[in-house]
N, C-alpha and C. Protein backbone atom coordinates (compact mmCIF):
# COMPACT_ATOMS: atom_id res chain seq x y z
N MET A 1 147.34 100.57 146.63
CA MET A 1 148.47 99.70 146.84
C MET A 1 149.69 100.57 147.16
N ASN A 2 150.43 100.21 148.20
CA ASN A 2 151.60 101.00 148.58
C ASN A 2 152.83 100.55 147.79
N ASP A 3 153.92 101.31 147.93
CA ASP A 3 155.13 101.05 147.16
C ASP A 3 155.72 99.67 147.44
N LYS A 4 155.72 99.26 148.69
CA LYS A 4 156.29 97.96 149.02
C LYS A 4 155.49 96.82 148.38
N GLN A 5 154.18 96.99 148.34
CA GLN A 5 153.34 95.97 147.70
C GLN A 5 153.61 95.93 146.19
N ARG A 6 153.84 97.09 145.60
CA ARG A 6 154.18 97.14 144.17
C ARG A 6 155.51 96.44 143.88
N VAL A 7 156.46 96.58 144.79
CA VAL A 7 157.74 95.90 144.62
C VAL A 7 157.52 94.39 144.68
N LYS A 8 156.73 93.92 145.64
CA LYS A 8 156.42 92.49 145.71
C LYS A 8 155.74 92.02 144.43
N GLU A 9 154.79 92.81 143.94
CA GLU A 9 154.09 92.48 142.70
C GLU A 9 155.08 92.41 141.53
N THR A 10 156.02 93.32 141.50
CA THR A 10 157.04 93.33 140.46
C THR A 10 157.90 92.08 140.52
N ILE A 11 158.38 91.74 141.71
CA ILE A 11 159.21 90.55 141.87
C ILE A 11 158.44 89.31 141.42
N ASN A 12 157.19 89.19 141.86
CA ASN A 12 156.40 88.02 141.49
C ASN A 12 156.08 87.97 140.01
N ALA A 13 155.88 89.13 139.38
CA ALA A 13 155.65 89.16 137.93
C ALA A 13 156.91 88.73 137.19
N ILE A 14 158.08 89.14 137.69
CA ILE A 14 159.34 88.72 137.08
C ILE A 14 159.51 87.21 137.23
N TYR A 15 159.19 86.68 138.41
CA TYR A 15 159.28 85.23 138.61
C TYR A 15 158.32 84.49 137.66
N THR A 16 157.12 84.99 137.52
CA THR A 16 156.15 84.37 136.62
C THR A 16 156.66 84.42 135.18
N PHE A 17 157.15 85.59 134.78
CA PHE A 17 157.71 85.80 133.45
C PHE A 17 158.79 84.79 133.15
N ALA A 18 159.64 84.50 134.13
CA ALA A 18 160.77 83.60 133.94
C ALA A 18 160.38 82.13 134.13
N GLY A 19 159.12 81.87 134.44
CA GLY A 19 158.67 80.50 134.62
C GLY A 19 159.15 79.88 135.92
N ILE A 20 159.43 80.74 136.88
CA ILE A 20 159.90 80.25 138.17
C ILE A 20 158.70 80.06 139.08
N GLY A 21 158.55 78.88 139.60
CA GLY A 21 157.40 78.55 140.43
C GLY A 21 157.57 78.99 141.88
N LYS A 22 158.01 80.20 142.08
CA LYS A 22 158.18 80.73 143.43
C LYS A 22 157.37 82.00 143.57
N LYS A 23 157.06 82.32 144.81
CA LYS A 23 156.37 83.56 145.12
C LYS A 23 157.16 84.26 146.21
N PHE A 24 157.47 85.54 145.98
CA PHE A 24 158.21 86.31 146.97
C PHE A 24 157.24 86.75 148.06
N THR A 25 157.54 86.37 149.29
CA THR A 25 156.70 86.75 150.42
C THR A 25 157.50 87.47 151.50
N GLY A 26 158.76 87.75 151.20
CA GLY A 26 159.63 88.38 152.19
C GLY A 26 159.31 89.85 152.40
N ASP A 27 160.07 90.47 153.28
CA ASP A 27 159.93 91.89 153.56
C ASP A 27 160.64 92.69 152.49
N VAL A 28 160.01 93.76 152.05
CA VAL A 28 160.64 94.67 151.10
C VAL A 28 161.36 95.75 151.89
N ASN A 29 162.66 95.87 151.61
CA ASN A 29 163.49 96.87 152.27
C ASN A 29 164.43 97.48 151.24
N PRO A 30 165.22 98.46 151.60
CA PRO A 30 166.12 99.08 150.62
C PRO A 30 167.08 98.10 149.95
N LYS A 31 167.56 97.10 150.66
CA LYS A 31 168.47 96.11 150.07
C LYS A 31 167.74 95.29 149.00
N VAL A 32 166.49 94.92 149.24
CA VAL A 32 165.71 94.20 148.24
C VAL A 32 165.57 95.07 146.99
N ALA A 33 165.26 96.35 147.19
CA ALA A 33 165.13 97.26 146.05
C ALA A 33 166.43 97.34 145.26
N GLU A 34 167.55 97.37 145.95
CA GLU A 34 168.85 97.44 145.28
C GLU A 34 169.09 96.17 144.45
N VAL A 35 168.81 95.01 145.02
CA VAL A 35 169.02 93.74 144.32
C VAL A 35 168.08 93.65 143.11
N VAL A 36 166.82 94.03 143.29
CA VAL A 36 165.86 94.00 142.18
C VAL A 36 166.29 94.98 141.08
N GLY A 37 166.79 96.15 141.48
CA GLY A 37 167.31 97.10 140.50
C GLY A 37 168.45 96.51 139.68
N ASN A 38 169.34 95.79 140.35
CA ASN A 38 170.44 95.12 139.63
C ASN A 38 169.91 94.04 138.70
N LEU A 39 168.91 93.30 139.15
CA LEU A 39 168.28 92.30 138.30
C LEU A 39 167.68 92.95 137.06
N LEU A 40 166.95 94.03 137.24
CA LEU A 40 166.34 94.72 136.10
C LEU A 40 167.40 95.19 135.12
N LYS A 41 168.51 95.68 135.65
CA LYS A 41 169.60 96.13 134.78
C LYS A 41 170.16 94.95 133.99
N ASP A 42 170.35 93.81 134.66
CA ASP A 42 170.90 92.63 133.99
C ASP A 42 169.99 92.07 132.91
N ILE A 43 168.69 92.06 133.16
CA ILE A 43 167.79 91.48 132.17
C ILE A 43 167.33 92.49 131.13
N ASN A 44 167.73 93.74 131.27
CA ASN A 44 167.36 94.77 130.31
C ASN A 44 167.76 94.37 128.88
N SER A 45 168.92 93.77 128.74
CA SER A 45 169.38 93.37 127.41
C SER A 45 168.75 92.07 126.92
N CYS A 46 168.06 91.38 127.81
CA CYS A 46 167.48 90.08 127.45
C CYS A 46 166.07 90.18 126.88
N SER A 47 165.33 91.18 127.25
CA SER A 47 163.92 91.25 126.89
C SER A 47 163.52 92.67 126.52
N THR A 48 162.77 92.79 125.45
CA THR A 48 162.27 94.10 125.03
C THR A 48 161.30 94.67 126.04
N ALA A 49 160.75 93.85 126.91
CA ALA A 49 159.83 94.34 127.93
C ALA A 49 160.50 95.34 128.86
N PHE A 50 161.82 95.25 128.99
CA PHE A 50 162.55 96.12 129.91
C PHE A 50 163.31 97.23 129.21
N SER A 51 163.27 97.30 127.91
CA SER A 51 164.12 98.24 127.19
C SER A 51 163.81 99.70 127.51
N TRP A 52 162.61 100.01 127.94
CA TRP A 52 162.23 101.40 128.23
C TRP A 52 162.43 101.79 129.69
N VAL A 53 162.74 100.82 130.57
CA VAL A 53 162.88 101.13 131.99
C VAL A 53 164.14 101.97 132.19
N PRO A 54 164.02 103.17 132.76
CA PRO A 54 165.20 104.01 132.95
C PRO A 54 166.10 103.47 134.05
N GLN A 55 167.34 103.90 134.03
CA GLN A 55 168.26 103.54 135.10
C GLN A 55 167.97 104.44 136.30
N PRO A 56 168.06 103.91 137.51
CA PRO A 56 167.82 104.75 138.69
C PRO A 56 168.89 105.83 138.83
N THR A 57 168.48 107.03 139.20
CA THR A 57 169.45 108.08 139.46
C THR A 57 170.16 107.77 140.77
N GLY A 58 171.40 108.08 140.85
CA GLY A 58 172.16 107.79 142.06
C GLY A 58 172.71 106.38 142.10
N GLY A 59 172.43 105.58 141.08
CA GLY A 59 173.01 104.24 140.98
C GLY A 59 172.18 103.11 141.53
N LYS A 60 171.60 103.26 142.72
CA LYS A 60 170.85 102.18 143.34
C LYS A 60 169.35 102.38 143.17
N ALA A 61 168.65 101.29 142.91
CA ALA A 61 167.19 101.35 142.86
C ALA A 61 166.65 101.47 144.28
N THR A 62 165.56 102.19 144.42
CA THR A 62 164.89 102.30 145.71
C THR A 62 163.49 101.70 145.59
N ILE A 63 162.85 101.53 146.72
CA ILE A 63 161.49 101.01 146.72
C ILE A 63 160.58 101.91 145.89
N SER A 64 160.66 103.21 146.10
CA SER A 64 159.79 104.13 145.36
C SER A 64 160.14 104.17 143.88
N TRP A 65 161.41 104.01 143.52
CA TRP A 65 161.80 104.00 142.10
C TRP A 65 161.17 102.81 141.40
N ILE A 66 161.23 101.63 142.02
CA ILE A 66 160.64 100.43 141.42
C ILE A 66 159.13 100.61 141.29
N ALA A 67 158.49 101.08 142.36
CA ALA A 67 157.03 101.27 142.33
C ALA A 67 156.63 102.26 141.24
N LYS A 68 157.41 103.29 141.04
CA LYS A 68 157.09 104.31 140.04
C LYS A 68 157.33 103.82 138.62
N ASN A 69 158.41 103.10 138.39
CA ASN A 69 158.83 102.74 137.04
C ASN A 69 158.29 101.41 136.53
N MET A 70 157.83 100.56 137.42
CA MET A 70 157.28 99.28 136.99
C MET A 70 155.76 99.36 137.03
N SER A 71 155.21 99.91 135.98
CA SER A 71 153.76 100.13 135.91
C SER A 71 153.02 98.82 135.66
N ARG A 72 151.74 98.88 135.82
CA ARG A 72 150.89 97.72 135.57
C ARG A 72 151.08 97.22 134.13
N SER A 73 151.28 98.12 133.17
CA SER A 73 151.42 97.70 131.78
C SER A 73 152.67 96.87 131.56
N ILE A 74 153.78 97.22 132.21
CA ILE A 74 154.99 96.39 132.04
C ILE A 74 154.81 95.06 132.73
N LEU A 75 154.12 95.02 133.85
CA LEU A 75 153.88 93.75 134.52
C LEU A 75 153.02 92.84 133.65
N GLU A 76 152.04 93.42 132.97
CA GLU A 76 151.22 92.62 132.04
C GLU A 76 152.06 92.16 130.85
N GLN A 77 152.94 93.03 130.35
CA GLN A 77 153.80 92.65 129.24
C GLN A 77 154.72 91.52 129.63
N LEU A 78 155.21 91.54 130.86
CA LEU A 78 156.06 90.46 131.33
C LEU A 78 155.34 89.13 131.27
N LYS A 79 154.08 89.14 131.65
CA LYS A 79 153.31 87.90 131.67
C LYS A 79 153.10 87.35 130.26
N ASN A 80 153.15 88.24 129.24
CA ASN A 80 152.86 87.83 127.88
C ASN A 80 154.08 87.72 126.99
N ASP A 81 155.26 88.14 127.43
CA ASP A 81 156.46 88.12 126.62
C ASP A 81 156.92 86.68 126.44
N GLN A 82 157.24 86.29 125.20
CA GLN A 82 157.59 84.91 124.92
C GLN A 82 159.09 84.65 124.78
N SER A 83 159.90 85.68 124.56
CA SER A 83 161.34 85.48 124.37
C SER A 83 162.07 85.76 125.67
N TYR A 84 162.25 84.72 126.48
CA TYR A 84 162.77 84.97 127.82
C TYR A 84 163.89 84.04 128.27
N VAL A 85 164.54 83.33 127.38
CA VAL A 85 165.55 82.37 127.81
C VAL A 85 166.68 83.06 128.59
N CYS A 86 167.20 84.15 128.05
CA CYS A 86 168.27 84.89 128.71
C CYS A 86 167.77 85.47 130.04
N ALA A 87 166.62 86.10 130.00
CA ALA A 87 166.06 86.71 131.20
C ALA A 87 165.80 85.67 132.28
N ARG A 88 165.33 84.52 131.87
CA ARG A 88 165.04 83.45 132.84
C ARG A 88 166.30 83.03 133.58
N ALA A 89 167.39 82.89 132.86
CA ALA A 89 168.65 82.53 133.50
C ALA A 89 169.08 83.61 134.49
N ARG A 90 168.93 84.87 134.11
CA ARG A 90 169.31 85.98 134.99
C ARG A 90 168.43 85.99 136.25
N VAL A 91 167.14 85.79 136.07
CA VAL A 91 166.22 85.82 137.21
C VAL A 91 166.58 84.71 138.19
N TRP A 92 166.86 83.51 137.69
CA TRP A 92 167.24 82.41 138.57
C TRP A 92 168.45 82.78 139.42
N GLN A 93 169.38 83.55 138.85
CA GLN A 93 170.58 83.95 139.59
C GLN A 93 170.25 84.90 140.74
N TYR A 94 169.11 85.56 140.67
CA TYR A 94 168.76 86.56 141.67
C TYR A 94 167.75 86.07 142.71
N VAL A 95 167.19 84.89 142.56
CA VAL A 95 166.17 84.41 143.50
C VAL A 95 166.73 84.39 144.93
N ARG A 96 167.85 83.78 145.11
CA ARG A 96 168.45 83.66 146.46
C ARG A 96 168.91 85.03 147.00
N PRO A 97 169.61 85.86 146.19
CA PRO A 97 169.99 87.17 146.70
C PRO A 97 168.80 88.04 147.13
N ILE A 98 167.69 87.95 146.41
CA ILE A 98 166.50 88.71 146.80
C ILE A 98 165.97 88.20 148.14
N GLN A 99 165.93 86.89 148.30
CA GLN A 99 165.44 86.32 149.55
C GLN A 99 166.35 86.71 150.71
N LEU A 100 167.65 86.64 150.50
CA LEU A 100 168.59 87.02 151.56
C LEU A 100 168.46 88.50 151.90
N ALA A 101 168.29 89.34 150.88
CA ALA A 101 168.13 90.78 151.11
C ALA A 101 166.89 91.06 151.94
N SER A 102 165.83 90.30 151.71
CA SER A 102 164.60 90.51 152.47
C SER A 102 164.76 90.15 153.94
N GLN A 103 165.78 89.33 154.23
CA GLN A 103 166.07 88.94 155.61
C GLN A 103 167.15 89.82 156.23
N GLY A 104 167.56 90.85 155.48
CA GLY A 104 168.56 91.77 156.00
C GLY A 104 169.99 91.28 155.89
N VAL A 105 170.18 90.24 155.11
CA VAL A 105 171.54 89.68 154.96
C VAL A 105 172.23 90.30 153.76
């Protein structure tokens, strides 16, 4: 699986975790990585599943940073984490920005 596919898998796992009935099918580009990085930073305080994820060096998340830091184990933990009210609200706020980023907007 390549890095872009891992980013898509990460986005979809986050959507599943938050109970959002959407699937990300857009293009993964640097802007999508940046928006997803901001989302991860925002929900870090909401869920223990994200407490160990390091902050990206240089400020912005990249495609390779997400692929490297969002392992299969965290994606599985996301699917099983039950305390997600705060995270769910944050994820909903990012659905549209992620979609727009995938379109280059």
